[in-house]
Amino acid sequence: MNGRHMKAVTAGFLGGLLLGATVWSTQMHRSRRELFSKRPVRRLAALGYLSGRPGLDTVRILTDYVGWERHPALRRRGERVLRRMHTHLD
């Protein structure tokens, strides 16, 4: 591999990392907003998205959500996801 090709590969890799971080940040922001939506279907979709993203930020937002949610089925779903997050992080 010559130097020019190596620079292109490195630039592509770093650009991909930057793009991935930007998309991830946007998705997390959108999911947090939808988690507190007036529409139950959006809240359910946000729970599904967040269930696949274990982390301390997700635990914090789900803790707030479980205390806020009034729909029993959605609250139970949130509690299940939160328990799995705690298990995964322990």
PDB file of N, CA and C in Angstrom:
ATOM      1  N   MET A   1       0.841  -1.180   0.000  1.00  0.00           N
ATOM      2  CA  MET A   1       0.000   0.000   0.000  1.00  0.00           C
ATOM      3  C   MET A   1       0.882   1.238   0.000  1.00  0.00           C
ATOM      4  N   ASN A   2       0.600   2.156  -0.894  1.00  0.00           N
ATOM      5  CA  ASN A   2       1.399   3.371  -0.918  1.00  0.00           C
ATOM      6  C   ASN A   2       0.818   4.395   0.063  1.00  0.00           C
ATOM      7  N   GLY A   3       1.566   5.456   0.316  1.00  0.00           N
ATOM      8  CA  GLY A   3       1.170   6.470   1.286  1.00  0.00           C
ATOM      9  C   GLY A   3      -0.138   7.160   0.942  1.00  0.00           C
ATOM     10  N   ARG A   4      -0.358   7.391  -0.336  1.00  0.00           N
ATOM     11  CA  ARG A   4      -1.585   8.086  -0.763  1.00  0.00           C
ATOM     12  C   ARG A   4      -2.822   7.222  -0.495  1.00  0.00           C
ATOM     13  N   HIS A   5      -2.719   5.941  -0.787  1.00  0.00           N
ATOM     14  CA  HIS A   5      -3.830   5.014  -0.559  1.00  0.00           C
ATOM     15  C   HIS A   5      -4.111   4.890   0.942  1.00  0.00           C
ATOM     16  N   MET A   6      -3.047   4.828   1.731  1.00  0.00           N
ATOM     17  CA  MET A   6      -3.198   4.705   3.190  1.00  0.00           C
ATOM     18  C   MET A   6      -3.891   5.942   3.770  1.00  0.00           C
ATOM     19  N   LYS A   7      -3.576   7.119   3.280  1.00  0.00           N
ATOM     20  CA  LYS A   7      -4.217   8.347   3.749  1.00  0.00           C
ATOM     21  C   LYS A   7      -5.705   8.344   3.410  1.00  0.00           C
ATOM     22  N   ALA A   8      -6.043   7.850   2.223  1.00  0.00           N
ATOM     23  CA  ALA A   8      -7.448   7.788   1.806  1.00  0.00           C
ATOM     24  C   ALA A   8      -8.222   6.818   2.692  1.00  0.00           C
ATOM     25  N   VAL A   9      -7.619   5.678   2.998  1.00  0.00           N
ATOM     26  CA  VAL A   9      -8.270   4.696   3.870  1.00  0.00           C
ATOM     27  C   VAL A   9      -8.463   5.280   5.263  1.00  0.00           C
ATOM     28  N   THR A  10      -7.455   5.929   5.786  1.00  0.00           N
ATOM     29  CA  THR A  10      -7.538   6.536   7.110  1.00  0.00           C
ATOM     30  C   THR A  10      -8.609   7.630   7.144  1.00  0.00           C
ATOM     31  N   ALA A  11      -8.638   8.471   6.124  1.00  0.00           N
ATOM     32  CA  ALA A  11      -9.645   9.538   6.054  1.00  0.00           C
ATOM     33  C   ALA A  11     -11.048   8.943   5.975  1.00  0.00           C
ATOM     34  N   GLY A  12     -11.214   7.883   5.196  1.00  0.00           N
ATOM     35  CA  GLY A  12     -12.510   7.222   5.091  1.00  0.00           C
ATOM     36  C   GLY A  12     -12.945   6.619   6.411  1.00  0.00           C
ATOM     37  N   PHE A  13     -12.017   5.997   7.112  1.00  0.00           N
ATOM     38  CA  PHE A  13     -12.316   5.401   8.413  1.00  0.00           C
ATOM     39  C   PHE A  13     -12.721   6.472   9.422  1.00  0.00           C
ATOM     40  N   LEU A  14     -11.955   7.535   9.505  1.00  0.00           N
ATOM     41  CA  LEU A  14     -12.273   8.614  10.446  1.00  0.00           C
ATOM     42  C   LEU A  14     -13.590   9.304  10.081  1.00  0.00           C
ATOM     43  N   GLY A  15     -13.835   9.479   8.787  1.00  0.00           N
ATOM     44  CA  GLY A  15     -15.103  10.060   8.344  1.00  0.00           C
ATOM     45  C   GLY A  15     -16.277   9.168   8.727  1.00  0.00           C
ATOM     46  N   GLY A  16     -16.105   7.854   8.599  1.00  0.00           N
ATOM     47  CA  GLY A  16     -17.149   6.903   8.994  1.00  0.00           C
ATOM     48  C   GLY A  16     -17.425   6.944  10.481  1.00  0.00           C
ATOM     49  N   LEU A  17     -16.370   7.066  11.274  1.00  0.00           N
ATOM     50  CA  LEU A  17     -16.546   7.186  12.729  1.00  0.00           C
ATOM     51  C   LEU A  17     -17.320   8.452  13.088  1.00  0.00           C
ATOM     52  N   LEU A  18     -16.962   9.542  12.462  1.00  0.00           N
ATOM     53  CA  LEU A  18     -17.634  10.810  12.726  1.00  0.00           C
ATOM     54  C   LEU A  18     -19.101  10.748  12.317  1.00  0.00           C
ATOM     55  N   LEU A  19     -19.365  10.199  11.156  1.00  0.00           N
ATOM     56  CA  LEU A  19     -20.748  10.062  10.689  1.00  0.00           C
ATOM     57  C   LEU A  19     -21.543   9.138  11.611  1.00  0.00           C
ATOM     58  N   GLY A  20     -20.952   8.031  12.016  1.00  0.00           N
ATOM     59  CA  GLY A  20     -21.621   7.102  12.931  1.00  0.00           C
ATOM     60  C   GLY A  20     -21.950   7.746  14.258  1.00  0.00           C
ATOM     61  N   ALA A  21     -21.020   8.513  14.813  1.00  0.00           N
ATOM     62  CA  ALA A  21     -21.268   9.198  16.081  1.00  0.00           C
ATOM     63  C   ALA A  21     -22.381  10.228  15.948  1.00  0.00           C
ATOM     64  N   THR A  22     -22.416  10.916  14.819  1.00  0.00           N
ATOM     65  CA  THR A  22     -23.466  11.919  14.586  1.00  0.00           C
ATOM     66  C   THR A  22     -24.836  11.254  14.474  1.00  0.00           C
ATOM     67  N   VAL A  23     -24.915  10.171  13.721  1.00  0.00           N
ATOM     68  CA  VAL A  23     -26.187   9.452  13.566  1.00  0.00           C
ATOM     69  C   VAL A  23     -26.640   8.888  14.902  1.00  0.00           C
ATOM     70  N   TRP A  24     -25.730   8.299  15.666  1.00  0.00           N
ATOM     71  CA  TRP A  24     -26.062   7.747  16.977  1.00  0.00           C
ATOM     72  C   TRP A  24     -26.608   8.840  17.894  1.00  0.00           C
ATOM     73  N   SER A  25     -25.953   9.976  17.935  1.00  0.00           N
ATOM     74  CA  SER A  25     -26.394  11.084  18.776  1.00  0.00           C
ATOM     75  C   SER A  25     -27.786  11.561  18.375  1.00  0.00           C
ATOM     76  N   THR A  26     -28.026  11.677  17.084  1.00  0.00           N
ATOM     77  CA  THR A  26     -29.339  12.104  16.588  1.00  0.00           C
ATOM     78  C   THR A  26     -30.408  11.097  16.971  1.00  0.00           C
ATOM     79  N   GLN A  27     -30.126   9.806  16.813  1.00  0.00           N
ATOM     80  CA  GLN A  27     -31.096   8.778  17.158  1.00  0.00           C
ATOM     81  C   GLN A  27     -31.407   8.780  18.654  1.00  0.00           C
ATOM     82  N   MET A  28     -30.398   8.935  19.482  1.00  0.00           N
ATOM     83  CA  MET A  28     -30.625   8.974  20.928  1.00  0.00           C
ATOM     84  C   MET A  28     -31.484  10.177  21.300  1.00  0.00           C
ATOM     85  N   HIS A  29     -31.203  11.311  20.710  1.00  0.00           N
ATOM     86  CA  HIS A  29     -31.985  12.518  21.000  1.00  0.00           C
ATOM     87  C   HIS A  29     -33.437  12.319  20.576  1.00  0.00           C
ATOM     88  N   ARG A  30     -33.652  11.777  19.394  1.00  0.00           N
ATOM     89  CA  ARG A  30     -35.000  11.547  18.880  1.00  0.00           C
ATOM     90  C   ARG A  30     -35.737  10.536  19.761  1.00  0.00           C
ATOM     91  N   SER A  31     -35.058   9.472  20.166  1.00  0.00           N
ATOM     92  CA  SER A  31     -35.699   8.459  20.999  1.00  0.00           C
ATOM     93  C   SER A  31     -36.083   9.020  22.356  1.00  0.00           C
ATOM     94  N   ARG A  32     -35.239   9.849  22.911  1.00  0.00           N
ATOM     95  CA  ARG A  32     -35.573  10.471  24.192  1.00  0.00           C
ATOM     96  C   ARG A  32     -36.796  11.353  24.053  1.00  0.00           C
ATOM     97  N   ARG A  33     -36.875  12.102  22.977  1.00  0.00           N
ATOM     98  CA  ARG A  33     -38.020  12.982  22.754  1.00  0.00           C
ATOM     99  C   ARG A  33     -39.286  12.158  22.552  1.00  0.00           C
ATOM    100  N   GLU A  34     -39.199  11.091  21.759  1.00  0.00           N
ATOM    101  CA  GLU A  34     -40.365  10.253  21.480  1.00  0.00           C
ATOM    102  C   GLU A  34     -40.784   9.441  22.694  1.00  0.00           C
ATOM    103  N   LEU A  35     -39.878   9.183  23.611  1.00  0.00           N
ATOM    104  CA  LEU A  35     -40.213   8.421  24.808  1.00  0.00           C
ATOM    105  C   LEU A  35     -41.266   9.147  25.645  1.00  0.00           C
ATOM    106  N   PHE A  36     -41.315  10.452  25.549  1.00  0.00           N
ATOM    107  CA  PHE A  36     -42.282  11.244  26.302  1.00  0.00           C
ATOM    108  C   PHE A  36     -43.358  11.850  25.393  1.00  0.00           C
ATOM    109  N   SER A  37     -43.563  11.239  24.231  1.00  0.00           N
ATOM    110  CA  SER A  37     -44.566  11.698  23.276  1.00  0.00           C
ATOM    111  C   SER A  37     -45.977  11.498  23.831  1.00  0.00           C
ATOM    112  N   LYS A  38     -46.926  12.244  23.294  1.00  0.00           N
ATOM    113  CA  LYS A  38     -48.331  12.048  23.662  1.00  0.00           C
ATOM    114  C   LYS A  38     -48.877  10.761  23.077  1.00  0.00           C
ATOM    115  N   ARG A  39     -48.249  10.264  22.033  1.00  0.00           N
ATOM    116  CA  ARG A  39     -48.738   9.078  21.325  1.00  0.00           C
ATOM    117  C   ARG A  39     -48.107   7.797  21.881  1.00  0.00           C
ATOM    118  N   PRO A  40     -48.939   6.882  22.385  1.00  0.00           N
ATOM    119  CA  PRO A  40     -48.418   5.638  22.961  1.00  0.00           C
ATOM    120  C   PRO A  40     -47.590   4.806  21.988  1.00  0.00           C
ATOM    121  N   VAL A  41     -47.943   4.800  20.712  1.00  0.00           N
ATOM    122  CA  VAL A  41     -47.191   4.012  19.731  1.00  0.00           C
ATOM    123  C   VAL A  41     -45.765   4.540  19.595  1.00  0.00           C
ATOM    124  N   ARG A  42     -45.599   5.832  19.641  1.00  0.00           N
ATOM    125  CA  ARG A  42     -44.247   6.408  19.567  1.00  0.00           C
ATOM    126  C   ARG A  42     -43.445   6.070  20.820  1.00  0.00           C
ATOM    127  N   ARG A  43     -44.124   6.081  21.963  1.00  0.00           N
ATOM    128  CA  ARG A  43     -43.438   5.719  23.204  1.00  0.00           C
ATOM    129  C   ARG A  43     -42.986   4.260  23.153  1.00  0.00           C
ATOM    130  N   LEU A  44     -43.855   3.380  22.637  1.00  0.00           N
ATOM    131  CA  LEU A  44     -43.506   1.972  22.510  1.00  0.00           C
ATOM    132  C   LEU A  44     -42.321   1.792  21.555  1.00  0.00           C
ATOM    133  N   ALA A  45     -42.321   2.502  20.442  1.00  0.00           N
ATOM    134  CA  ALA A  45     -41.209   2.418  19.491  1.00  0.00           C
ATOM    135  C   ALA A  45     -39.908   2.913  20.127  1.00  0.00           C
ATOM    136  N   ALA A  46     -39.989   3.981  20.896  1.00  0.00           N
ATOM    137  CA  ALA A  46     -38.793   4.506  21.565  1.00  0.00           C
ATOM    138  C   ALA A  46     -38.262   3.496  22.580  1.00  0.00           C
ATOM    139  N   LEU A  47     -39.159   2.824  23.287  1.00  0.00           N
ATOM    140  CA  LEU A  47     -38.724   1.786  24.229  1.00  0.00           C
ATOM    141  C   LEU A  47     -38.005   0.664  23.490  1.00  0.00           C
ATOM    142  N   GLY A  48     -38.546   0.282  22.346  1.00  0.00           N
ATOM    143  CA  GLY A  48     -37.905  -0.757  21.547  1.00  0.00           C
ATOM    144  C   GLY A  48     -36.515  -0.346  21.095  1.00  0.00           C
ATOM    145  N   TYR A  49     -36.389   0.884  20.653  1.00  0.00           N
ATOM    146  CA  TYR A  49     -35.085   1.375  20.211  1.00  0.00           C
ATOM    147  C   TYR A  49     -34.101   1.407  21.376  1.00  0.00           C
ATOM    148  N   LEU A  50     -34.528   1.965  22.491  1.00  0.00           N
ATOM    149  CA  LEU A  50     -33.633   2.110  23.633  1.00  0.00           C
ATOM    150  C   LEU A  50     -33.274   0.761  24.259  1.00  0.00           C
ATOM    151  N   SER A  51     -34.141  -0.229  24.117  1.00  0.00           N
ATOM    152  CA  SER A  51     -33.848  -1.538  24.707  1.00  0.00           C
ATOM    153  C   SER A  51     -32.597  -2.160  24.090  1.00  0.00           C
ATOM    154  N   GLY A  52     -32.269  -1.773  22.896  1.00  0.00           N
ATOM    155  CA  GLY A  52     -31.069  -2.284  22.235  1.00  0.00           C
ATOM    156  C   GLY A  52     -29.838  -1.431  22.438  1.00  0.00           C
ATOM    157  N   ARG A  53     -29.935  -0.409  23.264  1.00  0.00           N
ATOM    158  CA  ARG A  53     -28.813   0.503  23.513  1.00  0.00           C
ATOM    159  C   ARG A  53     -28.511   0.613  25.000  1.00  0.00           C
ATOM    160  N   PRO A  54     -27.942  -0.456  25.597  1.00  0.00           N
ATOM    161  CA  PRO A  54     -27.647  -0.390  27.030  1.00  0.00           C
ATOM    162  C   PRO A  54     -26.568   0.655  27.333  1.00  0.00           C
ATOM    163  N   GLY A  55     -26.748   1.342  28.426  1.00  0.00           N
ATOM    164  CA  GLY A  55     -25.772   2.329  28.860  1.00  0.00           C
ATOM    165  C   GLY A  55     -26.331   3.161  30.001  1.00  0.00           C
ATOM    166  N   LEU A  56     -25.471   3.910  30.632  1.00  0.00           N
ATOM    167  CA  LEU A  56     -25.901   4.723  31.774  1.00  0.00           C
ATOM    168  C   LEU A  56     -26.899   5.792  31.377  1.00  0.00           C
ATOM    169  N   ASP A  57     -26.709   6.413  30.217  1.00  0.00           N
ATOM    170  CA  ASP A  57     -27.667   7.425  29.758  1.00  0.00           C
ATOM    171  C   ASP A  57     -29.047   6.808  29.549  1.00  0.00           C
ATOM    172  N   THR A  58     -29.075   5.610  28.990  1.00  0.00           N
ATOM    173  CA  THR A  58     -30.353   4.935  28.760  1.00  0.00           C
ATOM    174  C   THR A  58     -31.023   4.596  30.086  1.00  0.00           C
ATOM    175  N   VAL A  59     -30.252   4.142  31.059  1.00  0.00           N
ATOM    176  CA  VAL A  59     -30.813   3.830  32.383  1.00  0.00           C
ATOM    177  C   VAL A  59     -31.412   5.083  33.002  1.00  0.00           C
ATOM    178  N   ARG A  60     -30.727   6.190  32.897  1.00  0.00           N
ATOM    179  CA  ARG A  60     -31.236   7.442  33.486  1.00  0.00           C
ATOM    180  C   ARG A  60     -32.551   7.870  32.845  1.00  0.00           C
ATOM    181  N   ILE A  61     -32.611   7.840  31.526  1.00  0.00           N
ATOM    182  CA  ILE A  61     -33.822   8.285  30.843  1.00  0.00           C
ATOM    183  C   ILE A  61     -34.962   7.307  31.086  1.00  0.00           C
ATOM    184  N   LEU A  62     -34.679   6.008  31.149  1.00  0.00           N
ATOM    185  CA  LEU A  62     -35.732   5.033  31.419  1.00  0.00           C
ATOM    186  C   LEU A  62     -36.251   5.152  32.853  1.00  0.00           C
ATOM    187  N   THR A  63     -35.387   5.491  33.781  1.00  0.00           N
ATOM    188  CA  THR A  63     -35.828   5.705  35.161  1.00  0.00           C
ATOM    189  C   THR A  63     -36.812   6.871  35.215  1.00  0.00           C
ATOM    190  N   ASP A  64     -36.499   7.947  34.524  1.00  0.00           N
ATOM    191  CA  ASP A  64     -37.424   9.081  34.452  1.00  0.00           C
ATOM    192  C   ASP A  64     -38.725   8.677  33.780  1.00  0.00           C
ATOM    193  N   TYR A  65     -38.606   7.904  32.704  1.00  0.00           N
ATOM    194  CA  TYR A  65     -39.787   7.491  31.949  1.00  0.00           C
ATOM    195  C   TYR A  65     -40.729   6.635  32.791  1.00  0.00           C
ATOM    196  N   VAL A  66     -40.186   5.648  33.501  1.00  0.00           N
ATOM    197  CA  VAL A  66     -41.018   4.745  34.301  1.00  0.00           C
ATOM    198  C   VAL A  66     -41.780   5.530  35.367  1.00  0.00           C
ATOM    199  N   GLY A  67     -41.164   6.533  35.936  1.00  0.00           N
ATOM    200  CA  GLY A  67     -41.859   7.372  36.913  1.00  0.00           C
ATOM    201  C   GLY A  67     -42.918   8.261  36.281  1.00  0.00           C
ATOM    202  N   TRP A  68     -42.755   8.578  35.009  1.00  0.00           N
ATOM    203  CA  TRP A  68     -43.673   9.484  34.300  1.00  0.00           C
ATOM    204  C   TRP A  68     -44.847   8.754  33.654  1.00  0.00           C
ATOM    205  N   GLU A  69     -44.598   7.564  33.128  1.00  0.00           N
ATOM    206  CA  GLU A  69     -45.597   6.843  32.323  1.00  0.00           C
ATOM    207  C   GLU A  69     -46.821   6.456  33.150  1.00  0.00           C
ATOM    208  N   ARG A  70     -48.015   6.713  32.605  1.00  0.00           N
ATOM    209  CA  ARG A  70     -49.276   6.396  33.278  1.00  0.00           C
ATOM    210  C   ARG A  70     -49.982   5.191  32.669  1.00  0.00           C
ATOM    211  N   HIS A  71     -49.616   4.822  31.454  1.00  0.00           N
ATOM    212  CA  HIS A  71     -50.229   3.664  30.792  1.00  0.00           C
ATOM    213  C   HIS A  71     -49.601   2.399  31.379  1.00  0.00           C
ATOM    214  N   PRO A  72     -50.411   1.535  32.033  1.00  0.00           N
ATOM    215  CA  PRO A  72     -49.844   0.374  32.744  1.00  0.00           C
ATOM    216  C   PRO A  72     -48.981  -0.549  31.875  1.00  0.00           C
ATOM    217  N   ALA A  73     -49.427  -0.855  30.664  1.00  0.00           N
ATOM    218  CA  ALA A  73     -48.657  -1.773  29.818  1.00  0.00           C
ATOM    219  C   ALA A  73     -47.320  -1.153  29.406  1.00  0.00           C
ATOM    220  N   LEU A  74     -47.330   0.119  29.082  1.00  0.00           N
ATOM    221  CA  LEU A  74     -46.078   0.783  28.695  1.00  0.00           C
ATOM    222  C   LEU A  74     -45.144   0.937  29.897  1.00  0.00           C
ATOM    223  N   ARG A  75     -45.718   1.210  31.063  1.00  0.00           N
ATOM    224  CA  ARG A  75     -44.880   1.322  32.267  1.00  0.00           C
ATOM    225  C   ARG A  75     -44.218  -0.029  32.566  1.00  0.00           C
ATOM    226  N   ARG A  76     -44.993  -1.119  32.456  1.00  0.00           N
ATOM    227  CA  ARG A  76     -44.417  -2.452  32.690  1.00  0.00           C
ATOM    228  C   ARG A  76     -43.311  -2.757  31.688  1.00  0.00           C
ATOM    229  N   ARG A  77     -43.537  -2.391  30.430  1.00  0.00           N
ATOM    230  CA  ARG A  77     -42.514  -2.602  29.392  1.00  0.00           C
ATOM    231  C   ARG A  77     -41.259  -1.810  29.736  1.00  0.00           C
ATOM    232  N   GLY A  78     -41.437  -0.571  30.145  1.00  0.00           N
ATOM    233  CA  GLY A  78     -40.304   0.255  30.545  1.00  0.00           C
ATOM    234  C   GLY A  78     -39.558  -0.337  31.730  1.00  0.00           C
ATOM    235  N   GLU A  79     -40.297  -0.877  32.689  1.00  0.00           N
ATOM    236  CA  GLU A  79     -39.671  -1.499  33.861  1.00  0.00           C
ATOM    237  C   GLU A  79     -38.867  -2.734  33.463  1.00  0.00           C
ATOM    238  N   ARG A  80     -39.403  -3.534  32.539  1.00  0.00           N
ATOM    239  CA  ARG A  80     -38.675  -4.722  32.065  1.00  0.00           C
ATOM    240  C   ARG A  80     -37.372  -4.321  31.366  1.00  0.00           C
ATOM    241  N   VAL A  81     -37.467  -3.334  30.508  1.00  0.00           N
ATOM    242  CA  VAL A  81     -36.264  -2.862  29.802  1.00  0.00           C
ATOM    243  C   VAL A  81     -35.250  -2.328  30.805  1.00  0.00           C
ATOM    244  N   LEU A  82     -35.725  -1.585  31.779  1.00  0.00           N
ATOM    245  CA  LEU A  82     -34.835  -1.016  32.794  1.00  0.00           C
ATOM    246  C   LEU A  82     -34.151  -2.118  33.611  1.00  0.00           C
ATOM    247  N   ARG A  83     -34.898  -3.161  33.983  1.00  0.00           N
ATOM    248  CA  ARG A  83     -34.297  -4.279  34.728  1.00  0.00           C
ATOM    249  C   ARG A  83     -33.208  -4.958  33.904  1.00  0.00           C
ATOM    250  N   ARG A  84     -33.485  -5.149  32.595  1.00  0.00           N
ATOM    251  CA  ARG A  84     -32.462  -5.755  31.732  1.00  0.00           C
ATOM    252  C   ARG A  84     -31.218  -4.876  31.641  1.00  0.00           C
ATOM    253  N   MET A  85     -31.428  -3.565  31.596  1.00  0.00           N
ATOM    254  CA  MET A  85     -30.287  -2.639  31.534  1.00  0.00           C
ATOM    255  C   MET A  85     -29.436  -2.770  32.799  1.00  0.00           C
ATOM    256  N   HIS A  86     -30.113  -2.811  33.961  1.00  0.00           N
ATOM    257  CA  HIS A  86     -29.383  -2.946  35.219  1.00  0.00           C
ATOM    258  C   HIS A  86     -28.595  -4.266  35.255  1.00  0.00           C
ATOM    259  N   THR A  87     -29.225  -5.342  34.802  1.00  0.00           N
ATOM    260  CA  THR A  87     -28.560  -6.645  34.765  1.00  0.00           C
ATOM    261  C   THR A  87     -27.356  -6.602  33.829  1.00  0.00           C
ATOM    262  N   HIS A  88     -27.540  -5.992  32.676  1.00  0.00           N
ATOM    263  CA  HIS A  88     -26.460  -5.913  31.692  1.00  0.00           C
ATOM    264  C   HIS A  88     -25.287  -5.085  32.200  1.00  0.00           C
ATOM    265  N   LEU A  89     -25.583  -4.025  32.931  1.00  0.00           N
ATOM    266  CA  LEU A  89     -24.510  -3.131  33.386  1.00  0.00           C
ATOM    267  C   LEU A  89     -23.830  -3.603  34.671  1.00  0.00           C
ATOM    268  N   ASP A  90     -24.482  -4.520  35.391  1.00  0.00           N
ATOM    269  CA  ASP A  90     -23.872  -5.017  36.641  1.00  0.00           C
ATOM    270  C   ASP A  90     -22.777  -5.991  36.403  1.00  0.00           C
TER     271      ASP A  90
END
